[in-house]
Amino acid sequence: MKYPEELVAQVKQRAAGYRLEGFLSGQGKINPPLMIVGEAPGRKEITAHIPFSGQSGQELMKSLAITGLTRDDVYITSVVRSRPYSVKKVKNKKTGEIEIKTPNRTPTKKEVLAYAPLFDWELNQVDPQIIVTVGNTSLQRILGPKFNVGTHHGQVFHQPIQQLNATGDGYALSKRKYTVISTFHPAAVFYNRKLAPEIEKDWHLIDQVLKERQSAADQD
């Protein structure tokens, strides 16, 4: 996705002072059946310039295959387009020297808000049939803080979503209704293998909704 330079400049100014590095555009098909929305690129994604290109990306592609779709058929993005990192001092076990590490971290609500103008513009341009949120960060950015992936995954919501308000310091509900389905972030299975069947079930639901929409379109 080619973002307007003025919009990128605006977002970078809004995000100034936060621990964010690089910039990775969302990628994929316009007017796709699915727009998959994550939280933010990690180090691997920033280096490769491909969303979900690491281990979590491999898990995501396995799930996407349940629908019969591939990366080329969908649009993949995140609510923050730069890598959030933390700064940690770690003692090298071999040399005893203190080293500075900058691991990935979850973006803060303020960082998500800073990128809100870009995400709103991107969603409007992509115009997907269904938004699939992976993880809490993207779910709460789109539907609000009361939503939680543990409770609301595997459910279909057809309702207004959060967009940046007129003053640029919070959110307001959109006039348009969107279809949103939530599931766990694909990396969640690395920490809890018990989530794998739940994620698979969620993606079978996504496949079912897609097929129902296609069947309805064919009858029109």
N, C-alpha and C. Protein backbone atom coordinates (compact mmCIF):
# COMPACT_ATOMS: atom_id res chain seq x y z
N MET A 1 0.85 -1.18 0.00
CA MET A 1 0.00 0.00 0.00
C MET A 1 0.89 1.24 0.00
N LYS A 2 0.60 2.14 -0.91
CA LYS A 2 1.31 3.41 -0.98
C LYS A 2 0.51 4.45 -0.20
N TYR A 3 1.04 4.90 0.93
CA TYR A 3 0.36 5.88 1.75
C TYR A 3 0.71 7.30 1.28
N PRO A 4 -0.21 8.24 1.40
CA PRO A 4 0.12 9.63 1.09
C PRO A 4 1.25 10.13 1.98
N GLU A 5 2.22 10.82 1.40
CA GLU A 5 3.38 11.29 2.16
C GLU A 5 2.97 12.19 3.32
N GLU A 6 1.94 13.03 3.09
CA GLU A 6 1.50 13.94 4.15
C GLU A 6 0.94 13.17 5.34
N LEU A 7 0.24 12.06 5.05
CA LEU A 7 -0.35 11.25 6.10
C LEU A 7 0.74 10.56 6.91
N VAL A 8 1.74 10.02 6.23
CA VAL A 8 2.85 9.37 6.92
C VAL A 8 3.58 10.37 7.80
N ALA A 9 3.81 11.56 7.28
CA ALA A 9 4.49 12.61 8.06
C ALA A 9 3.68 12.98 9.29
N GLN A 10 2.36 13.07 9.12
CA GLN A 10 1.47 13.40 10.24
C GLN A 10 1.56 12.34 11.33
N VAL A 11 1.53 11.07 10.93
CA VAL A 11 1.56 9.98 11.89
C VAL A 11 2.91 9.92 12.60
N LYS A 12 3.98 10.11 11.86
CA LYS A 12 5.31 10.09 12.48
C LYS A 12 5.46 11.23 13.49
N GLN A 13 4.85 12.36 13.21
CA GLN A 13 4.88 13.47 14.16
C GLN A 13 4.07 13.13 15.41
N ARG A 14 2.90 12.49 15.21
CA ARG A 14 2.07 12.08 16.34
C ARG A 14 2.79 11.04 17.20
N ALA A 15 3.65 10.23 16.57
CA ALA A 15 4.34 9.15 17.28
C ALA A 15 5.73 9.54 17.78
N ALA A 16 6.11 10.79 17.56
CA ALA A 16 7.44 11.24 17.98
C ALA A 16 7.61 11.08 19.49
N GLY A 17 8.77 10.57 19.89
CA GLY A 17 9.05 10.40 21.31
C GLY A 17 8.78 9.00 21.83
N TYR A 18 8.05 8.19 21.05
CA TYR A 18 7.81 6.81 21.45
C TYR A 18 8.93 5.92 20.93
N ARG A 19 9.12 4.80 21.61
CA ARG A 19 10.16 3.86 21.18
C ARG A 19 9.63 2.99 20.04
N LEU A 20 9.74 3.52 18.85
CA LEU A 20 9.28 2.86 17.63
C LEU A 20 10.38 2.98 16.59
N GLU A 21 10.55 1.93 15.79
CA GLU A 21 11.57 2.01 14.75
C GLU A 21 11.04 1.47 13.42
N GLY A 22 11.56 2.03 12.33
CA GLY A 22 11.22 1.56 10.99
C GLY A 22 9.79 1.91 10.61
N PHE A 23 9.43 1.47 9.42
CA PHE A 23 8.07 1.68 8.93
C PHE A 23 7.79 0.62 7.88
N LEU A 24 6.69 -0.08 8.05
CA LEU A 24 6.32 -1.14 7.12
C LEU A 24 4.89 -0.94 6.66
N SER A 25 4.70 -0.82 5.37
CA SER A 25 3.36 -0.65 4.81
C SER A 25 2.57 -1.94 4.87
N GLY A 26 1.25 -1.82 4.95
CA GLY A 26 0.40 -2.98 4.78
C GLY A 26 0.50 -3.46 3.35
N GLN A 27 0.23 -4.74 3.13
CA GLN A 27 0.40 -5.31 1.79
C GLN A 27 -0.75 -6.24 1.44
N GLY A 28 -1.08 -6.28 0.15
CA GLY A 28 -2.08 -7.23 -0.31
C GLY A 28 -3.03 -6.66 -1.33
N LYS A 29 -4.14 -7.34 -1.45
CA LYS A 29 -5.14 -7.07 -2.47
C LYS A 29 -6.14 -6.00 -2.00
N ILE A 30 -6.53 -5.12 -2.89
CA ILE A 30 -7.57 -4.15 -2.60
C ILE A 30 -8.94 -4.81 -2.81
N ASN A 31 -9.93 -4.43 -1.99
CA ASN A 31 -11.26 -5.05 -1.99
C ASN A 31 -11.17 -6.57 -1.80
N PRO A 32 -10.41 -7.02 -0.81
CA PRO A 32 -10.23 -8.46 -0.62
C PRO A 32 -11.35 -9.08 0.20
N PRO A 33 -11.44 -10.40 0.21
CA PRO A 33 -12.41 -11.05 1.10
C PRO A 33 -12.06 -10.82 2.57
N LEU A 34 -10.75 -10.77 2.88
CA LEU A 34 -10.31 -10.59 4.27
C LEU A 34 -9.25 -9.50 4.37
N MET A 35 -9.34 -8.70 5.41
CA MET A 35 -8.27 -7.80 5.83
C MET A 35 -7.82 -8.28 7.20
N ILE A 36 -6.61 -8.82 7.27
CA ILE A 36 -6.09 -9.36 8.52
C ILE A 36 -5.31 -8.27 9.23
N VAL A 37 -5.68 -8.00 10.48
CA VAL A 37 -5.11 -6.87 11.21
C VAL A 37 -4.40 -7.35 12.47
N GLY A 38 -3.09 -7.13 12.53
CA GLY A 38 -2.31 -7.46 13.71
C GLY A 38 -2.03 -6.23 14.54
N GLU A 39 -1.05 -6.35 15.46
CA GLU A 39 -0.77 -5.22 16.36
C GLU A 39 0.33 -4.32 15.82
N ALA A 40 1.47 -4.88 15.41
CA ALA A 40 2.59 -4.08 14.91
C ALA A 40 3.64 -5.02 14.33
N PRO A 41 4.46 -4.54 13.40
CA PRO A 41 5.54 -5.39 12.89
C PRO A 41 6.60 -5.63 13.95
N GLY A 42 7.24 -6.79 13.88
CA GLY A 42 8.36 -7.10 14.74
C GLY A 42 9.67 -6.86 14.00
N ARG A 43 10.76 -7.23 14.63
CA ARG A 43 12.08 -7.02 14.02
C ARG A 43 12.20 -7.74 12.68
N LYS A 44 11.69 -8.97 12.62
CA LYS A 44 11.77 -9.76 11.40
C LYS A 44 11.01 -9.07 10.26
N GLU A 45 9.84 -8.56 10.56
CA GLU A 45 9.01 -7.92 9.53
C GLU A 45 9.64 -6.61 9.04
N ILE A 46 10.19 -5.83 9.96
CA ILE A 46 10.83 -4.58 9.57
C ILE A 46 12.04 -4.84 8.68
N THR A 47 12.76 -5.92 8.96
CA THR A 47 13.95 -6.27 8.16
C THR A 47 13.55 -6.83 6.79
N ALA A 48 12.55 -7.72 6.77
CA ALA A 48 12.14 -8.38 5.53
C ALA A 48 11.19 -7.53 4.68
N HIS A 49 10.60 -6.50 5.30
CA HIS A 49 9.62 -5.63 4.63
C HIS A 49 8.39 -6.40 4.17
N ILE A 50 8.03 -7.44 4.94
CA ILE A 50 6.85 -8.25 4.64
C ILE A 50 6.07 -8.48 5.94
N PRO A 51 4.79 -8.09 5.98
CA PRO A 51 4.00 -8.33 7.20
C PRO A 51 3.88 -9.81 7.51
N PHE A 52 3.97 -10.15 8.79
CA PHE A 52 3.86 -11.54 9.24
C PHE A 52 4.79 -12.45 8.44
N SER A 53 6.07 -12.13 8.46
CA SER A 53 7.03 -12.92 7.69
C SER A 53 7.86 -13.85 8.57
N GLY A 54 7.68 -13.79 9.88
CA GLY A 54 8.42 -14.66 10.77
C GLY A 54 7.66 -15.94 11.08
N GLN A 55 7.95 -16.54 12.24
CA GLN A 55 7.29 -17.78 12.65
C GLN A 55 5.78 -17.59 12.79
N SER A 56 5.38 -16.44 13.33
CA SER A 56 3.95 -16.20 13.48
C SER A 56 3.27 -16.11 12.12
N GLY A 57 4.01 -15.63 11.13
CA GLY A 57 3.48 -15.57 9.77
C GLY A 57 3.22 -16.96 9.20
N GLN A 58 4.11 -17.91 9.52
CA GLN A 58 3.92 -19.28 9.06
C GLN A 58 2.65 -19.88 9.67
N GLU A 59 2.44 -19.58 10.96
CA GLU A 59 1.23 -20.06 11.62
C GLU A 59 -0.02 -19.42 11.01
N LEU A 60 0.09 -18.12 10.70
CA LEU A 60 -1.04 -17.42 10.10
C LEU A 60 -1.39 -18.00 8.74
N MET A 61 -0.39 -18.33 7.94
CA MET A 61 -0.64 -18.90 6.62
C MET A 61 -1.29 -20.29 6.72
N LYS A 62 -0.94 -21.06 7.75
CA LYS A 62 -1.58 -22.35 7.98
C LYS A 62 -3.07 -22.15 8.26
N SER A 63 -3.36 -21.16 9.09
CA SER A 63 -4.77 -20.87 9.40
C SER A 63 -5.51 -20.36 8.19
N LEU A 64 -4.88 -19.47 7.45
CA LEU A 64 -5.51 -18.89 6.25
C LEU A 64 -5.83 -19.98 5.23
N ALA A 65 -4.99 -21.01 5.17
CA ALA A 65 -5.20 -22.11 4.21
C ALA A 65 -6.53 -22.83 4.45
N ILE A 66 -7.05 -22.76 5.68
CA ILE A 66 -8.35 -23.38 5.98
C ILE A 66 -9.44 -22.79 5.09
N THR A 67 -9.31 -21.51 4.75
CA THR A 67 -10.30 -20.83 3.93
C THR A 67 -10.06 -21.04 2.43
N GLY A 68 -8.95 -21.67 2.09
CA GLY A 68 -8.61 -21.85 0.68
C GLY A 68 -7.95 -20.63 0.08
N LEU A 69 -7.67 -19.63 0.91
CA LEU A 69 -7.04 -18.40 0.43
C LEU A 69 -5.54 -18.42 0.72
N THR A 70 -4.80 -17.59 0.00
CA THR A 70 -3.37 -17.43 0.22
C THR A 70 -3.07 -15.97 0.56
N ARG A 71 -1.83 -15.68 0.86
CA ARG A 71 -1.41 -14.31 1.15
C ARG A 71 -1.78 -13.36 0.01
N ASP A 72 -1.70 -13.85 -1.21
CA ASP A 72 -1.99 -13.00 -2.38
C ASP A 72 -3.46 -12.62 -2.49
N ASP A 73 -4.32 -13.37 -1.81
CA ASP A 73 -5.77 -13.14 -1.92
C ASP A 73 -6.30 -12.13 -0.90
N VAL A 74 -5.49 -11.81 0.11
CA VAL A 74 -5.98 -11.00 1.23
C VAL A 74 -5.11 -9.75 1.40
N TYR A 75 -5.50 -8.92 2.36
CA TYR A 75 -4.69 -7.75 2.70
C TYR A 75 -4.26 -7.91 4.15
N ILE A 76 -2.97 -7.67 4.42
CA ILE A 76 -2.42 -7.85 5.76
C ILE A 76 -1.81 -6.55 6.25
N THR A 77 -2.20 -6.14 7.44
CA THR A 77 -1.68 -4.89 8.00
C THR A 77 -1.67 -5.01 9.52
N SER A 78 -1.43 -3.88 10.19
CA SER A 78 -1.49 -3.82 11.64
C SER A 78 -1.87 -2.41 12.06
N VAL A 79 -2.29 -2.27 13.31
CA VAL A 79 -2.77 -0.97 13.76
C VAL A 79 -1.63 0.01 14.03
N VAL A 80 -0.42 -0.49 14.20
CA VAL A 80 0.80 0.33 14.28
C VAL A 80 1.75 -0.17 13.20
N ARG A 81 2.34 0.75 12.45
CA ARG A 81 3.14 0.34 11.29
C ARG A 81 4.64 0.40 11.54
N SER A 82 5.08 0.70 12.76
CA SER A 82 6.49 0.69 13.14
C SER A 82 6.69 -0.32 14.26
N ARG A 83 7.94 -0.74 14.47
CA ARG A 83 8.21 -1.76 15.49
C ARG A 83 8.34 -1.13 16.88
N PRO A 84 7.46 -1.48 17.81
CA PRO A 84 7.63 -1.04 19.19
C PRO A 84 8.74 -1.88 19.85
N TYR A 85 9.62 -1.22 20.56
CA TYR A 85 10.71 -1.96 21.23
C TYR A 85 10.91 -1.42 22.64
N SER A 86 11.45 -2.27 23.48
CA SER A 86 11.84 -1.84 24.82
C SER A 86 13.37 -1.87 24.89
N VAL A 87 13.91 -1.21 25.87
CA VAL A 87 15.36 -1.16 26.05
C VAL A 87 15.72 -1.87 27.35
N LYS A 88 16.54 -2.90 27.24
CA LYS A 88 16.91 -3.69 28.41
C LYS A 88 18.43 -3.85 28.49
N LYS A 89 18.94 -3.75 29.70
CA LYS A 89 20.36 -3.99 29.94
C LYS A 89 20.53 -5.45 30.37
N VAL A 90 21.37 -6.17 29.64
CA VAL A 90 21.58 -7.59 29.89
C VAL A 90 23.07 -7.86 30.08
N LYS A 91 23.38 -8.63 31.08
CA LYS A 91 24.79 -8.98 31.34
C LYS A 91 25.19 -10.16 30.48
N ASN A 92 26.23 -9.99 29.69
CA ASN A 92 26.76 -11.07 28.85
C ASN A 92 27.40 -12.12 29.75
N LYS A 93 26.89 -13.36 29.68
CA LYS A 93 27.37 -14.43 30.56
C LYS A 93 28.83 -14.78 30.31
N LYS A 94 29.29 -14.58 29.08
CA LYS A 94 30.67 -14.94 28.75
C LYS A 94 31.66 -13.85 29.13
N THR A 95 31.34 -12.62 28.79
CA THR A 95 32.28 -11.52 29.00
C THR A 95 32.01 -10.74 30.29
N GLY A 96 30.80 -10.86 30.80
CA GLY A 96 30.44 -10.10 31.99
C GLY A 96 30.06 -8.66 31.70
N GLU A 97 30.15 -8.27 30.44
CA GLU A 97 29.83 -6.90 30.06
C GLU A 97 28.32 -6.69 29.96
N ILE A 98 27.90 -5.45 30.18
CA ILE A 98 26.49 -5.10 30.08
C ILE A 98 26.18 -4.74 28.62
N GLU A 99 25.17 -5.39 28.06
CA GLU A 99 24.76 -5.14 26.68
C GLU A 99 23.34 -4.57 26.66
N ILE A 100 23.09 -3.76 25.66
CA ILE A 100 21.77 -3.16 25.50
C ILE A 100 20.99 -3.98 24.47
N LYS A 101 19.82 -4.46 24.86
CA LYS A 101 18.95 -5.23 23.97
C LYS A 101 17.68 -4.42 23.71
N THR A 102 17.12 -4.58 22.52
CA THR A 102 15.89 -3.86 22.17
C THR A 102 14.85 -4.86 21.63
N PRO A 103 14.27 -5.67 22.50
CA PRO A 103 13.29 -6.67 22.06
C PRO A 103 11.97 -6.04 21.63
N ASN A 104 11.21 -6.82 20.85
CA ASN A 104 9.86 -6.40 20.48
C ASN A 104 9.00 -6.29 21.73
N ARG A 105 7.95 -5.48 21.64
CA ARG A 105 6.96 -5.39 22.71
C ARG A 105 5.60 -5.05 22.11
N THR A 106 4.57 -5.17 22.91
CA THR A 106 3.21 -4.79 22.49
C THR A 106 3.10 -3.27 22.44
N PRO A 107 2.51 -2.71 21.39
CA PRO A 107 2.35 -1.25 21.35
C PRO A 107 1.40 -0.76 22.44
N THR A 108 1.65 0.44 22.92
CA THR A 108 0.78 1.03 23.94
C THR A 108 -0.46 1.61 23.26
N LYS A 109 -1.47 1.92 24.07
CA LYS A 109 -2.69 2.53 23.54
C LYS A 109 -2.40 3.89 22.92
N LYS A 110 -1.44 4.63 23.48
CA LYS A 110 -1.07 5.93 22.93
C LYS A 110 -0.43 5.78 21.56
N GLU A 111 0.37 4.73 21.39
CA GLU A 111 1.01 4.49 20.10
C GLU A 111 -0.02 4.07 19.05
N VAL A 112 -0.98 3.25 19.47
CA VAL A 112 -2.05 2.84 18.56
C VAL A 112 -2.86 4.07 18.13
N LEU A 113 -3.14 4.96 19.07
CA LEU A 113 -3.86 6.18 18.75
C LEU A 113 -3.06 7.08 17.81
N ALA A 114 -1.75 7.12 17.99
CA ALA A 114 -0.90 7.94 17.12
C ALA A 114 -1.02 7.50 15.67
N TYR A 115 -1.20 6.19 15.45
CA TYR A 115 -1.28 5.65 14.09
C TYR A 115 -2.72 5.57 13.57
N ALA A 116 -3.66 6.05 14.35
CA ALA A 116 -5.07 5.94 13.97
C ALA A 116 -5.41 6.59 12.63
N PRO A 117 -4.87 7.77 12.30
CA PRO A 117 -5.22 8.36 11.00
C PRO A 117 -4.82 7.48 9.83
N LEU A 118 -3.69 6.82 9.96
CA LEU A 118 -3.19 5.98 8.87
C LEU A 118 -4.05 4.73 8.72
N PHE A 119 -4.38 4.11 9.86
CA PHE A 119 -5.19 2.89 9.78
C PHE A 119 -6.57 3.18 9.21
N ASP A 120 -7.17 4.29 9.65
CA ASP A 120 -8.50 4.66 9.13
C ASP A 120 -8.46 4.86 7.62
N TRP A 121 -7.45 5.55 7.15
CA TRP A 121 -7.31 5.80 5.71
C TRP A 121 -7.11 4.48 4.97
N GLU A 122 -6.27 3.63 5.53
CA GLU A 122 -5.95 2.34 4.90
C GLU A 122 -7.20 1.46 4.78
N LEU A 123 -7.97 1.39 5.85
CA LEU A 123 -9.20 0.58 5.83
C LEU A 123 -10.16 1.08 4.78
N ASN A 124 -10.28 2.38 4.66
CA ASN A 124 -11.17 2.97 3.67
C ASN A 124 -10.73 2.63 2.25
N GLN A 125 -9.43 2.62 2.03
CA GLN A 125 -8.90 2.30 0.70
C GLN A 125 -9.04 0.81 0.37
N VAL A 126 -8.77 -0.03 1.35
CA VAL A 126 -8.79 -1.49 1.11
C VAL A 126 -10.22 -2.00 0.96
N ASP A 127 -11.14 -1.51 1.80
CA ASP A 127 -12.56 -1.86 1.73
C ASP A 127 -12.77 -3.37 1.67
N PRO A 128 -12.40 -4.09 2.72
CA PRO A 128 -12.54 -5.56 2.73
C PRO A 128 -13.97 -6.01 3.01
N GLN A 129 -14.25 -7.25 2.67
CA GLN A 129 -15.55 -7.83 3.04
C GLN A 129 -15.61 -8.08 4.54
N ILE A 130 -14.51 -8.61 5.08
CA ILE A 130 -14.45 -8.97 6.50
C ILE A 130 -13.12 -8.51 7.08
N ILE A 131 -13.16 -7.94 8.28
CA ILE A 131 -11.94 -7.62 9.02
C ILE A 131 -11.69 -8.75 10.01
N VAL A 132 -10.49 -9.34 9.97
CA VAL A 132 -10.10 -10.36 10.93
C VAL A 132 -9.04 -9.77 11.85
N THR A 133 -9.37 -9.60 13.12
CA THR A 133 -8.39 -9.10 14.08
C THR A 133 -7.68 -10.28 14.72
N VAL A 134 -6.36 -10.19 14.83
CA VAL A 134 -5.58 -11.25 15.48
C VAL A 134 -4.91 -10.66 16.72
N GLY A 135 -5.39 -11.06 17.88
CA GLY A 135 -4.87 -10.55 19.14
C GLY A 135 -5.71 -9.43 19.72
N ASN A 136 -5.42 -9.09 20.97
CA ASN A 136 -6.19 -8.09 21.70
C ASN A 136 -6.00 -6.67 21.17
N THR A 137 -4.77 -6.33 20.80
CA THR A 137 -4.47 -4.95 20.42
C THR A 137 -5.33 -4.48 19.25
N SER A 138 -5.38 -5.29 18.20
CA SER A 138 -6.17 -4.90 17.03
C SER A 138 -7.66 -4.99 17.30
N LEU A 139 -8.08 -5.98 18.09
CA LEU A 139 -9.50 -6.11 18.45
C LEU A 139 -9.98 -4.88 19.20
N GLN A 140 -9.23 -4.44 20.20
CA GLN A 140 -9.63 -3.30 21.01
C GLN A 140 -9.51 -1.98 20.26
N ARG A 141 -8.56 -1.89 19.33
CA ARG A 141 -8.47 -0.69 18.50
C ARG A 141 -9.73 -0.53 17.64
N ILE A 142 -10.24 -1.65 17.14
CA ILE A 142 -11.35 -1.61 16.19
C ILE A 142 -12.71 -1.61 16.89
N LEU A 143 -12.89 -2.44 17.91
CA LEU A 143 -14.21 -2.56 18.54
C LEU A 143 -14.29 -1.88 19.90
N GLY A 144 -13.16 -1.58 20.53
CA GLY A 144 -13.20 -0.87 21.80
C GLY A 144 -12.60 -1.67 22.95
N PRO A 145 -12.28 -0.98 24.07
CA PRO A 145 -11.55 -1.60 25.18
C PRO A 145 -12.34 -2.66 25.95
N LYS A 146 -13.65 -2.71 25.78
CA LYS A 146 -14.45 -3.71 26.49
C LYS A 146 -14.32 -5.10 25.87
N PHE A 147 -13.76 -5.16 24.68
CA PHE A 147 -13.63 -6.44 23.99
C PHE A 147 -12.31 -7.11 24.36
N ASN A 148 -12.36 -8.42 24.48
CA ASN A 148 -11.19 -9.21 24.85
C ASN A 148 -11.17 -10.48 24.01
N VAL A 149 -10.01 -10.78 23.43
CA VAL A 149 -9.95 -11.91 22.50
C VAL A 149 -10.28 -13.23 23.18
N GLY A 150 -9.95 -13.35 24.47
CA GLY A 150 -10.26 -14.59 25.18
C GLY A 150 -11.75 -14.86 25.27
N THR A 151 -12.53 -13.78 25.36
CA THR A 151 -13.99 -13.89 25.48
C THR A 151 -14.69 -13.81 24.14
N HIS A 152 -14.17 -12.98 23.24
CA HIS A 152 -14.89 -12.64 22.02
C HIS A 152 -14.33 -13.28 20.74
N HIS A 153 -13.33 -14.15 20.87
CA HIS A 153 -12.83 -14.79 19.65
C HIS A 153 -13.89 -15.74 19.10
N GLY A 154 -13.82 -15.95 17.79
CA GLY A 154 -14.77 -16.87 17.17
C GLY A 154 -16.18 -16.38 17.14
N GLN A 155 -16.36 -15.04 17.19
CA GLN A 155 -17.69 -14.45 17.09
C GLN A 155 -17.71 -13.47 15.92
N VAL A 156 -18.87 -13.33 15.31
CA VAL A 156 -19.03 -12.41 14.18
C VAL A 156 -19.75 -11.16 14.66
N PHE A 157 -19.13 -10.01 14.45
CA PHE A 157 -19.71 -8.73 14.81
C PHE A 157 -19.97 -7.92 13.56
N HIS A 158 -21.17 -7.39 13.44
CA HIS A 158 -21.50 -6.50 12.32
C HIS A 158 -21.99 -5.20 12.93
N GLN A 159 -21.11 -4.23 13.00
CA GLN A 159 -21.41 -3.02 13.77
C GLN A 159 -20.44 -1.90 13.40
N PRO A 160 -20.71 -0.67 13.88
CA PRO A 160 -19.74 0.41 13.69
C PRO A 160 -18.44 0.10 14.42
N ILE A 161 -17.35 0.67 13.96
CA ILE A 161 -16.05 0.45 14.60
C ILE A 161 -15.46 1.79 15.05
N GLN A 162 -14.39 1.71 15.83
CA GLN A 162 -13.73 2.92 16.31
C GLN A 162 -12.90 3.57 15.20
N GLN A 163 -13.06 4.86 15.05
CA GLN A 163 -12.21 5.65 14.16
C GLN A 163 -11.76 6.89 14.91
N LEU A 164 -10.70 7.51 14.44
CA LEU A 164 -10.19 8.71 15.09
C LEU A 164 -11.26 9.79 15.13
N ASN A 165 -11.39 10.45 16.27
CA ASN A 165 -12.41 11.49 16.39
C ASN A 165 -11.96 12.79 15.74
N ALA A 166 -12.83 13.77 15.71
CA ALA A 166 -12.57 15.03 15.00
C ALA A 166 -11.41 15.82 15.59
N THR A 167 -11.19 15.66 16.90
CA THR A 167 -10.10 16.40 17.54
C THR A 167 -8.78 15.64 17.54
N GLY A 168 -8.81 14.38 17.10
CA GLY A 168 -7.58 13.61 16.96
C GLY A 168 -7.00 13.08 18.25
N ASP A 169 -7.77 13.12 19.34
CA ASP A 169 -7.24 12.68 20.63
C ASP A 169 -7.98 11.49 21.22
N GLY A 170 -8.81 10.84 20.41
CA GLY A 170 -9.57 9.69 20.87
C GLY A 170 -10.35 9.08 19.72
N TYR A 171 -11.36 8.30 20.05
CA TYR A 171 -12.10 7.59 19.02
C TYR A 171 -13.59 7.95 19.04
N ALA A 172 -14.21 7.80 17.89
CA ALA A 172 -15.66 7.91 17.74
C ALA A 172 -16.10 6.74 16.87
N LEU A 173 -17.35 6.36 16.97
CA LEU A 173 -17.84 5.23 16.19
C LEU A 173 -18.13 5.65 14.75
N SER A 174 -17.81 4.78 13.83
CA SER A 174 -18.04 5.04 12.41
C SER A 174 -19.53 5.02 12.10
N LYS A 175 -19.91 5.72 11.05
CA LYS A 175 -21.30 5.67 10.60
C LYS A 175 -21.59 4.35 9.89
N ARG A 176 -20.58 3.82 9.25
CA ARG A 176 -20.71 2.57 8.51
C ARG A 176 -20.53 1.37 9.45
N LYS A 177 -21.22 0.28 9.15
CA LYS A 177 -21.04 -0.96 9.88
C LYS A 177 -20.05 -1.86 9.13
N TYR A 178 -19.21 -2.54 9.88
CA TYR A 178 -18.23 -3.47 9.32
C TYR A 178 -18.45 -4.85 9.92
N THR A 179 -18.06 -5.87 9.18
CA THR A 179 -18.08 -7.23 9.70
C THR A 179 -16.70 -7.54 10.26
N VAL A 180 -16.65 -7.88 11.54
CA VAL A 180 -15.38 -8.12 12.23
C VAL A 180 -15.44 -9.49 12.90
N ILE A 181 -14.38 -10.28 12.71
CA ILE A 181 -14.25 -11.56 13.39
C ILE A 181 -12.90 -11.56 14.11
N SER A 182 -12.92 -11.91 15.38
CA SER A 182 -11.70 -11.89 16.20
C SER A 182 -11.15 -13.30 16.39
N THR A 183 -9.83 -13.39 16.39
CA THR A 183 -9.17 -14.64 16.76
C THR A 183 -7.86 -14.31 17.46
N PHE A 184 -7.21 -15.32 17.99
CA PHE A 184 -5.95 -15.11 18.70
C PHE A 184 -4.82 -14.75 17.73
N HIS A 185 -3.82 -14.07 18.25
CA HIS A 185 -2.63 -13.81 17.46
C HIS A 185 -1.97 -15.15 17.16
N PRO A 186 -1.47 -15.37 15.94
CA PRO A 186 -0.88 -16.67 15.61
C PRO A 186 0.29 -17.06 16.51
N ALA A 187 0.99 -16.06 17.07
CA ALA A 187 2.12 -16.36 17.96
C ALA A 187 1.66 -16.93 19.30
N ALA A 188 0.37 -16.82 19.60
CA ALA A 188 -0.14 -17.29 20.89
C ALA A 188 0.11 -18.78 21.09
N VAL A 189 0.13 -19.54 20.00
CA VAL A 189 0.32 -20.99 20.13
C VAL A 189 1.74 -21.34 20.58
N PHE A 190 2.68 -20.43 20.42
CA PHE A 190 4.04 -20.70 20.86
C PHE A 190 4.12 -20.73 22.39
N TYR A 191 3.20 -20.04 23.04
CA TYR A 191 3.18 -19.97 24.50
C TYR A 191 2.12 -20.87 25.11
N ASN A 192 1.12 -21.22 24.32
CA ASN A 192 0.03 -22.06 24.82
C ASN A 192 -0.51 -22.91 23.67
N ARG A 193 0.01 -24.12 23.57
CA ARG A 193 -0.40 -25.00 22.46
C ARG A 193 -1.87 -25.37 22.56
N LYS A 194 -2.47 -25.23 23.72
CA LYS A 194 -3.87 -25.58 23.89
C LYS A 194 -4.79 -24.65 23.09
N LEU A 195 -4.24 -23.51 22.64
CA LEU A 195 -5.04 -22.56 21.86
C LEU A 195 -5.18 -22.99 20.41
N ALA A 196 -4.35 -23.92 19.96
CA ALA A 196 -4.35 -24.32 18.55
C ALA A 196 -5.73 -24.77 18.07
N PRO A 197 -6.45 -25.64 18.80
CA PRO A 197 -7.79 -26.04 18.34
C PRO A 197 -8.77 -24.88 18.30
N GLU A 198 -8.63 -23.94 19.24
CA GLU A 198 -9.51 -22.77 19.25
C GLU A 198 -9.28 -21.89 18.03
N ILE A 199 -8.01 -21.69 17.70
CA ILE A 199 -7.67 -20.89 16.52
C ILE A 199 -8.19 -21.56 15.26
N GLU A 200 -8.01 -22.88 15.17
CA GLU A 200 -8.50 -23.62 14.01
C GLU A 200 -10.02 -23.49 13.88
N LYS A 201 -10.72 -23.58 15.00
CA LYS A 201 -12.18 -23.44 15.00
C LYS A 201 -12.59 -22.04 14.52
N ASP A 202 -11.85 -21.01 14.98
CA ASP A 202 -12.14 -19.63 14.56
C ASP A 202 -12.01 -19.48 13.05
N TRP A 203 -10.98 -20.08 12.49
CA TRP A 203 -10.75 -19.94 11.05
C TRP A 203 -11.75 -20.75 10.24
N HIS A 204 -12.26 -21.82 10.79
CA HIS A 204 -13.35 -22.54 10.12
C HIS A 204 -14.61 -21.67 10.09
N LEU A 205 -14.82 -20.90 11.16
CA LEU A 205 -15.94 -19.97 11.19
C LEU A 205 -15.76 -18.89 10.12
N ILE A 206 -14.56 -18.36 10.01
CA ILE A 206 -14.25 -17.35 8.98
C ILE A 206 -14.55 -17.93 7.60
N ASP A 207 -14.13 -19.15 7.37
CA ASP A 207 -14.38 -19.82 6.10
C ASP A 207 -15.88 -19.95 5.84
N GLN A 208 -16.63 -20.30 6.88
CA GLN A 208 -18.08 -20.45 6.75
C GLN A 208 -18.74 -19.12 6.37
N VAL A 209 -18.33 -18.05 7.03
CA VAL A 209 -18.91 -16.73 6.74
C VAL A 209 -18.57 -16.30 5.32
N LEU A 210 -17.35 -16.57 4.89
CA LEU A 210 -16.95 -16.24 3.51
C LEU A 210 -17.81 -16.98 2.49
N LYS A 211 -18.01 -18.26 2.74
CA LYS A 211 -18.81 -19.08 1.81
C LYS A 211 -20.27 -18.61 1.77
N GLU A 212 -20.79 -18.25 2.94
CA GLU A 212 -22.17 -17.76 2.98
C GLU A 212 -22.31 -16.46 2.20
N ARG A 213 -21.32 -15.61 2.31
CA ARG A 213 -21.36 -14.33 1.58
C ARG A 213 -21.24 -14.57 0.07
N GLN A 214 -20.39 -15.51 -0.31
CA GLN A 214 -20.23 -15.81 -1.71
C GLN A 214 -21.50 -16.41 -2.29
N SER A 215 -22.14 -17.29 -1.50
CA SER A 215 -23.39 -17.90 -1.96
C SER A 215 -24.48 -16.86 -2.13
N ALA A 216 -24.54 -15.91 -1.18
CA ALA A 216 -25.55 -14.84 -1.28
C ALA A 216 -25.28 -13.95 -2.49
N ALA A 217 -23.99 -13.68 -2.76
CA ALA A 217 -23.62 -12.84 -3.92
C ALA A 217 -23.98 -13.55 -5.22
N ASP A 218 -23.79 -14.86 -5.27
CA ASP A 218 -24.09 -15.63 -6.47
C ASP A 218 -25.58 -15.64 -6.79
N GLN A 219 -26.41 -15.52 -5.75
CA GLN A 219 -27.86 -15.56 -5.93
C GLN A 219 -28.44 -14.21 -6.34
N ASP A 220 -27.64 -13.15 -6.12
CA ASP A 220 -28.12 -11.81 -6.50
C ASP A 220 -28.12 -11.61 -8.01
